[in-house]
């Protein structure tokens, strides 16, 4: 899940802080926010070109990347995968950023 740390760094830091404080109930709540994002990126299996394309899409949705462009042979995520990423990010509460 190290890749997700670049997509949702605030939740990753929050989770680390909760674990360091031994606040397991808070850690579980944060994990519940992270899980759908992780599934949107990696739910189809181990990291692959497809997972990288979904990660780039998430980064672009958040405003962390200007473009989610991928190069062949990697294919852009489907409309359904993009919708899943948008929904997961919205539910996580991280919002967009302006760099």
N, C-alpha and C. Protein backbone atom coordinates (compact mmCIF):
# COMPACT_ATOMS: atom_id res chain seq x y z
N UNK A 1 0.81 -1.20 0.00
CA UNK A 1 0.00 0.00 0.00
C UNK A 1 0.84 1.26 0.00
N UNK A 2 2.14 1.12 -0.17
CA UNK A 2 3.00 2.29 -0.20
C UNK A 2 2.57 3.23 -1.31
N UNK A 3 2.13 2.69 -2.44
CA UNK A 3 1.68 3.54 -3.54
C UNK A 3 0.52 4.42 -3.14
N UNK A 4 -0.38 3.89 -2.34
CA UNK A 4 -1.52 4.69 -1.90
C UNK A 4 -1.09 5.88 -1.06
N UNK A 5 0.08 5.80 -0.45
CA UNK A 5 0.56 6.93 0.36
C UNK A 5 0.78 8.16 -0.49
N UNK A 6 1.09 8.00 -1.76
CA UNK A 6 1.25 9.16 -2.64
C UNK A 6 -0.09 9.70 -3.10
N UNK A 7 -1.11 8.87 -3.08
CA UNK A 7 -2.45 9.27 -3.50
C UNK A 7 -3.24 9.87 -2.34
N UNK A 8 -3.10 9.30 -1.17
CA UNK A 8 -3.85 9.75 0.01
C UNK A 8 -2.90 9.93 1.20
N UNK A 9 -1.92 10.82 1.07
CA UNK A 9 -0.91 10.95 2.14
C UNK A 9 -1.50 11.37 3.48
N UNK A 10 -2.54 12.18 3.45
CA UNK A 10 -3.11 12.64 4.72
C UNK A 10 -3.72 11.49 5.52
N UNK A 11 -4.37 10.56 4.83
CA UNK A 11 -4.93 9.41 5.53
C UNK A 11 -3.83 8.45 5.99
N UNK A 12 -2.79 8.33 5.20
CA UNK A 12 -1.67 7.48 5.59
C UNK A 12 -1.01 8.02 6.85
N UNK A 13 -0.80 9.32 6.90
CA UNK A 13 -0.21 9.95 8.10
C UNK A 13 -1.14 9.82 9.30
N UNK A 14 -2.43 10.04 9.07
CA UNK A 14 -3.40 9.89 10.16
C UNK A 14 -3.38 8.47 10.73
N UNK A 15 -3.28 7.49 9.84
CA UNK A 15 -3.25 6.09 10.28
C UNK A 15 -1.99 5.82 11.10
N UNK A 16 -0.87 6.32 10.64
CA UNK A 16 0.38 6.13 11.38
C UNK A 16 0.29 6.77 12.77
N UNK A 17 -0.25 7.98 12.83
CA UNK A 17 -0.38 8.67 14.12
C UNK A 17 -1.31 7.90 15.06
N UNK A 18 -2.40 7.39 14.52
CA UNK A 18 -3.33 6.62 15.35
C UNK A 18 -2.67 5.36 15.88
N UNK A 19 -1.89 4.70 15.05
CA UNK A 19 -1.21 3.48 15.50
C UNK A 19 -0.14 3.81 16.53
N UNK A 20 0.59 4.89 16.32
CA UNK A 20 1.62 5.27 17.29
C UNK A 20 1.02 5.63 18.64
N UNK A 21 -0.19 6.17 18.60
CA UNK A 21 -0.89 6.54 19.84
C UNK A 21 -1.65 5.35 20.43
N UNK A 22 -1.56 4.21 19.77
CA UNK A 22 -2.27 3.01 20.20
C UNK A 22 -3.79 3.23 20.25
N UNK A 23 -4.27 4.09 19.34
CA UNK A 23 -5.69 4.39 19.25
C UNK A 23 -6.28 3.51 18.14
N UNK A 24 -6.55 2.27 18.49
CA UNK A 24 -6.98 1.31 17.48
C UNK A 24 -8.35 1.61 16.91
N UNK A 25 -9.24 2.18 17.68
CA UNK A 25 -10.57 2.50 17.13
C UNK A 25 -10.44 3.60 16.07
N UNK A 26 -9.60 4.58 16.32
CA UNK A 26 -9.37 5.63 15.30
C UNK A 26 -8.67 5.02 14.08
N UNK A 27 -7.70 4.16 14.31
CA UNK A 27 -7.00 3.51 13.20
C UNK A 27 -7.96 2.71 12.34
N UNK A 28 -8.90 2.03 12.96
CA UNK A 28 -9.89 1.26 12.19
C UNK A 28 -10.78 2.19 11.36
N UNK A 29 -11.18 3.31 11.95
CA UNK A 29 -12.01 4.27 11.19
C UNK A 29 -11.24 4.80 9.98
N UNK A 30 -9.97 5.11 10.17
CA UNK A 30 -9.15 5.61 9.07
C UNK A 30 -8.96 4.51 8.02
N UNK A 31 -8.69 3.30 8.48
CA UNK A 31 -8.55 2.18 7.56
C UNK A 31 -9.81 1.99 6.72
N UNK A 32 -10.97 2.20 7.33
CA UNK A 32 -12.23 2.08 6.60
C UNK A 32 -12.35 3.13 5.49
N UNK A 33 -11.68 4.26 5.65
CA UNK A 33 -11.64 5.28 4.60
C UNK A 33 -10.63 4.92 3.51
N UNK A 34 -9.53 4.32 3.92
CA UNK A 34 -8.46 3.96 2.99
C UNK A 34 -8.86 2.76 2.13
N UNK A 35 -9.55 1.80 2.71
CA UNK A 35 -9.83 0.53 2.03
C UNK A 35 -10.48 0.70 0.65
N UNK A 36 -11.55 1.51 0.49
CA UNK A 36 -12.15 1.64 -0.84
C UNK A 36 -11.20 2.25 -1.87
N UNK A 37 -10.33 3.15 -1.42
CA UNK A 37 -9.34 3.73 -2.34
C UNK A 37 -8.36 2.65 -2.77
N UNK A 38 -7.89 1.87 -1.81
CA UNK A 38 -6.98 0.76 -2.11
C UNK A 38 -7.63 -0.21 -3.09
N UNK A 39 -8.89 -0.52 -2.87
CA UNK A 39 -9.61 -1.43 -3.76
C UNK A 39 -9.75 -0.85 -5.17
N UNK A 40 -9.99 0.47 -5.26
CA UNK A 40 -10.12 1.11 -6.56
C UNK A 40 -8.80 1.05 -7.34
N UNK A 41 -7.69 1.09 -6.63
CA UNK A 41 -6.38 1.02 -7.29
C UNK A 41 -5.96 -0.42 -7.52
N UNK A 42 -5.97 -1.24 -6.47
CA UNK A 42 -5.38 -2.58 -6.53
C UNK A 42 -6.40 -3.72 -6.49
N UNK A 43 -7.67 -3.42 -6.45
CA UNK A 43 -8.68 -4.46 -6.28
C UNK A 43 -8.67 -5.55 -7.32
N UNK A 44 -8.15 -5.25 -8.49
CA UNK A 44 -8.13 -6.24 -9.56
C UNK A 44 -6.93 -7.18 -9.46
N UNK A 45 -6.10 -6.99 -8.45
CA UNK A 45 -4.96 -7.89 -8.29
C UNK A 45 -3.69 -7.15 -7.93
N UNK A 46 -2.60 -7.83 -8.06
CA UNK A 46 -1.30 -7.28 -7.70
C UNK A 46 -0.98 -6.06 -8.55
N UNK A 47 -0.09 -5.20 -8.05
CA UNK A 47 0.31 -4.04 -8.84
C UNK A 47 0.75 -4.45 -10.24
N UNK A 48 0.25 -3.73 -11.19
CA UNK A 48 0.52 -4.00 -12.60
C UNK A 48 0.42 -2.68 -13.34
N UNK A 49 0.60 -2.73 -14.64
CA UNK A 49 0.40 -1.54 -15.45
C UNK A 49 -1.00 -0.98 -15.27
N UNK A 50 -1.98 -1.88 -15.12
CA UNK A 50 -3.36 -1.43 -14.92
C UNK A 50 -3.50 -0.70 -13.60
N UNK A 51 -2.88 -1.22 -12.55
CA UNK A 51 -2.94 -0.56 -11.24
C UNK A 51 -2.26 0.80 -11.31
N UNK A 52 -1.15 0.87 -12.03
CA UNK A 52 -0.46 2.15 -12.16
C UNK A 52 -1.33 3.16 -12.91
N UNK A 53 -2.05 2.69 -13.92
CA UNK A 53 -2.95 3.58 -14.66
C UNK A 53 -4.08 4.06 -13.75
N UNK A 54 -4.62 3.18 -12.92
CA UNK A 54 -5.68 3.60 -11.99
C UNK A 54 -5.13 4.57 -10.95
N UNK A 55 -3.90 4.34 -10.48
CA UNK A 55 -3.27 5.26 -9.53
C UNK A 55 -3.10 6.65 -10.17
N UNK A 56 -2.60 6.67 -11.40
CA UNK A 56 -2.43 7.96 -12.09
C UNK A 56 -3.77 8.67 -12.26
N UNK A 57 -4.81 7.91 -12.54
CA UNK A 57 -6.15 8.50 -12.67
C UNK A 57 -6.57 9.14 -11.35
N UNK A 58 -6.34 8.43 -10.26
CA UNK A 58 -6.66 8.98 -8.94
C UNK A 58 -5.86 10.24 -8.64
N UNK A 59 -4.58 10.23 -9.00
CA UNK A 59 -3.73 11.40 -8.77
C UNK A 59 -4.25 12.60 -9.59
N UNK A 60 -4.69 12.34 -10.80
CA UNK A 60 -5.24 13.41 -11.63
C UNK A 60 -6.58 13.91 -11.07
N UNK A 61 -7.41 13.01 -10.61
CA UNK A 61 -8.70 13.41 -10.02
C UNK A 61 -8.47 14.33 -8.84
N UNK A 62 -7.48 14.02 -8.02
CA UNK A 62 -7.19 14.84 -6.84
C UNK A 62 -6.48 16.14 -7.18
N UNK A 63 -5.91 16.25 -8.38
CA UNK A 63 -5.17 17.44 -8.74
C UNK A 63 -3.68 17.32 -8.47
N UNK A 64 -3.23 16.12 -8.12
CA UNK A 64 -1.81 15.90 -7.86
C UNK A 64 -1.01 15.73 -9.15
N UNK A 65 -1.66 15.23 -10.18
CA UNK A 65 -1.08 15.13 -11.53
C UNK A 65 -1.93 15.99 -12.45
N UNK A 66 -1.31 16.58 -13.44
CA UNK A 66 -2.07 17.35 -14.44
C UNK A 66 -2.77 16.44 -15.43
N UNK A 67 -2.25 15.25 -15.60
CA UNK A 67 -2.79 14.32 -16.59
C UNK A 67 -2.65 12.90 -16.09
N UNK A 68 -3.57 12.06 -16.51
CA UNK A 68 -3.50 10.64 -16.18
C UNK A 68 -3.04 9.84 -17.40
N UNK A 69 -2.42 10.51 -18.35
CA UNK A 69 -1.98 9.87 -19.58
C UNK A 69 -1.09 8.66 -19.31
N UNK A 70 -1.41 7.57 -19.96
CA UNK A 70 -0.57 6.37 -19.93
C UNK A 70 -0.14 6.06 -21.35
N UNK A 71 0.96 5.38 -21.46
CA UNK A 71 1.49 5.06 -22.79
C UNK A 71 1.31 3.58 -23.07
N UNK A 72 1.11 3.25 -24.35
CA UNK A 72 0.97 1.85 -24.73
C UNK A 72 2.18 1.05 -24.27
N UNK A 73 1.96 -0.16 -23.86
CA UNK A 73 0.75 -0.98 -24.02
C UNK A 73 -0.26 -0.81 -22.88
N UNK A 74 0.02 0.04 -21.90
CA UNK A 74 -0.91 0.25 -20.79
C UNK A 74 -2.14 0.97 -21.32
N UNK A 75 -3.30 0.53 -20.88
CA UNK A 75 -4.56 1.13 -21.31
C UNK A 75 -5.11 2.02 -20.21
N UNK A 76 -5.81 3.05 -20.61
CA UNK A 76 -6.47 3.93 -19.65
C UNK A 76 -7.57 3.14 -18.93
N UNK A 77 -7.80 3.44 -17.66
CA UNK A 77 -8.88 2.74 -16.94
C UNK A 77 -10.23 2.95 -17.61
N UNK A 78 -11.10 2.00 -17.44
CA UNK A 78 -12.44 2.09 -18.02
C UNK A 78 -13.24 3.18 -17.30
N UNK A 79 -14.34 3.57 -17.89
CA UNK A 79 -15.22 4.57 -17.27
C UNK A 79 -15.70 4.07 -15.91
N UNK A 80 -15.96 2.78 -15.81
CA UNK A 80 -16.40 2.19 -14.54
C UNK A 80 -15.30 2.29 -13.48
N UNK A 81 -14.06 2.02 -13.87
CA UNK A 81 -12.94 2.12 -12.93
C UNK A 81 -12.71 3.56 -12.48
N UNK A 82 -12.85 4.50 -13.41
CA UNK A 82 -12.70 5.92 -13.05
C UNK A 82 -13.82 6.33 -12.09
N UNK A 83 -15.03 5.88 -12.35
CA UNK A 83 -16.15 6.20 -11.46
C UNK A 83 -15.92 5.60 -10.07
N UNK A 84 -15.39 4.38 -10.01
CA UNK A 84 -15.09 3.75 -8.72
C UNK A 84 -14.03 4.56 -7.97
N UNK A 85 -13.01 5.04 -8.68
CA UNK A 85 -11.96 5.85 -8.06
C UNK A 85 -12.55 7.16 -7.53
N UNK A 86 -13.36 7.81 -8.35
CA UNK A 86 -13.98 9.07 -7.91
C UNK A 86 -14.82 8.86 -6.65
N UNK A 87 -15.61 7.80 -6.65
CA UNK A 87 -16.47 7.52 -5.50
C UNK A 87 -15.65 7.21 -4.26
N UNK A 88 -14.59 6.42 -4.41
CA UNK A 88 -13.74 6.05 -3.28
C UNK A 88 -13.05 7.29 -2.70
N UNK A 89 -12.54 8.14 -3.56
CA UNK A 89 -11.87 9.36 -3.09
C UNK A 89 -12.87 10.29 -2.41
N UNK A 90 -14.05 10.42 -2.98
CA UNK A 90 -15.08 11.28 -2.37
C UNK A 90 -15.46 10.75 -1.00
N UNK A 91 -15.65 9.44 -0.90
CA UNK A 91 -16.03 8.84 0.39
C UNK A 91 -14.93 8.96 1.43
N UNK A 92 -13.68 9.01 0.98
CA UNK A 92 -12.55 9.09 1.92
C UNK A 92 -12.45 10.49 2.55
N UNK A 93 -13.02 11.47 1.87
CA UNK A 93 -13.00 12.83 2.40
C UNK A 93 -11.72 13.60 2.13
N UNK A 94 -10.81 13.06 1.30
CA UNK A 94 -9.54 13.75 1.10
C UNK A 94 -9.66 14.99 0.21
N UNK A 95 -10.61 15.00 -0.70
CA UNK A 95 -10.79 16.17 -1.55
C UNK A 95 -9.69 16.38 -2.55
N UNK A 96 -9.79 17.48 -3.30
CA UNK A 96 -8.76 17.78 -4.28
C UNK A 96 -7.76 18.77 -3.72
N UNK A 97 -6.65 18.85 -4.41
CA UNK A 97 -5.59 19.76 -4.00
C UNK A 97 -5.25 20.67 -5.15
N UNK A 98 -4.63 21.77 -4.83
CA UNK A 98 -4.18 22.71 -5.86
C UNK A 98 -2.68 22.91 -5.67
N UNK A 99 -1.94 22.40 -6.62
CA UNK A 99 -0.48 22.52 -6.54
C UNK A 99 0.05 23.67 -7.37
